[in-house]
Protein backbone atom coordinates (compact mmCIF):
# COMPACT_ATOMS: atom_id res chain seq x y z
CA MET A 1 17.71 -11.85 1.81
CA PRO A 2 14.63 -10.51 0.16
CA ILE A 3 13.39 -6.96 1.12
CA VAL A 4 10.38 -6.56 0.19
CA THR A 5 8.46 -2.36 -0.26
CA ILE A 6 4.95 -2.21 0.31
CA GLN A 7 3.65 1.37 -0.53
CA VAL A 8 -0.19 2.24 0.04
CA THR A 9 -1.74 5.37 0.60
CA ARG A 10 -2.63 5.95 3.86
CA GLU A 11 -6.57 6.11 3.35
CA GLY A 12 -7.21 2.83 5.22
CA THR A 13 -9.29 0.31 3.24
CA THR A 14 -13.03 1.20 5.02
CA PRO A 15 -14.82 4.61 5.32
CA GLY A 16 -13.07 7.05 8.07
CA ALA A 17 -9.97 4.67 8.19
CA ALA A 18 -6.99 6.70 8.54
CA SER A 19 -4.46 3.59 7.94
CA LEU A 20 -4.13 0.05 7.34
CA THR A 21 -5.10 -2.11 10.25
CA ALA A 22 -2.43 -4.27 11.77
CA GLU A 23 -4.44 -6.98 10.70
CA GLU A 24 -4.07 -5.82 7.19
CA LYS A 25 -0.32 -5.04 7.39
CA ALA A 26 0.39 -8.70 9.07
CA ALA A 27 -1.77 -10.39 6.08
CA LEU A 28 0.54 -8.19 3.63
CA ILE A 29 3.78 -9.52 5.86
CA LYS A 30 2.95 -12.66 5.36
CA GLY A 31 1.47 -13.16 2.01
CA SER A 32 4.63 -11.21 0.46
CA SER A 33 7.25 -13.72 2.57
CA GLN A 34 4.83 -16.80 1.53
CA LEU A 35 4.83 -15.79 -2.56
CA LEU A 36 8.94 -15.58 -2.03
CA LEU A 37 9.26 -18.95 -0.60
CA ASP A 38 7.30 -20.20 -3.24
CA VAL A 39 8.21 -18.72 -6.52
CA LEU A 40 11.88 -18.04 -5.46
CA GLY A 41 12.77 -20.55 -2.57
CA LYS A 42 13.28 -17.97 -0.29
CA PRO A 43 13.02 -19.13 3.56
CA LEU A 44 10.65 -16.73 5.42
CA GLU A 45 12.99 -16.19 7.79
CA SER A 46 15.17 -14.36 5.57
CA THR A 47 12.62 -12.20 3.70
CA PHE A 48 12.35 -8.79 4.81
CA VAL A 49 8.54 -6.39 4.40
CA VAL A 50 8.78 -3.28 4.64
CA ILE A 51 5.25 -1.49 4.67
CA GLU A 52 5.42 2.34 4.10
CA GLU A 53 2.02 4.10 4.13
CA VAL A 54 2.30 7.79 2.14
CA ASP A 55 0.02 10.64 3.59
CA THR A 56 -2.84 11.59 0.77
CA ASP A 57 -0.76 14.93 0.36
CA ASN A 58 2.69 13.70 -0.81
CA TRP A 59 1.08 11.84 -4.01
CA GLY A 60 -0.14 12.95 -6.88
CA TRP A 61 -2.12 11.34 -10.26
CA GLY A 62 -2.95 12.37 -13.69
CA GLY A 63 0.02 15.84 -12.86
CA LEU A 64 -2.05 16.71 -9.96
CA PRO A 65 -2.17 16.22 -6.52
CA VAL A 66 -4.84 13.13 -5.67
CA GLN A 67 -6.81 15.35 -4.17
CA GLU A 68 -7.32 18.27 -6.80
CA PHE A 69 -7.55 14.76 -9.40
CA ARG A 70 -10.30 13.44 -7.61
CA ARG A 71 -12.25 16.94 -7.26
CA ARG A 72 -12.01 17.43 -11.36
CA SER A 73 -12.93 14.16 -12.03
CA ALA A 74 -15.47 14.41 -9.49
CA ALA A 75 -16.74 17.52 -10.89
CA GLN A 76 -16.65 15.99 -14.59
CA THR A 77 -18.83 12.71 -14.05
CA GLY A 78 -21.43 14.88 -11.50
């Protein structure tokens, strides 16, 4: 029984969105399950997919909280 965990940042995919839509989550579940069927022959009904949305203040990049990293990067390019 495969278990797939997908982590995405809780920023949505469009400006102003705070998270993924139900349709986007459904597409991730379907696509991940289909990939395991195609590559490993795992039946769809035995594949579990977990989507974890990570709040922006709970991850970092380049040794900094992501918001600070983005501020510094913007200041260097702007």
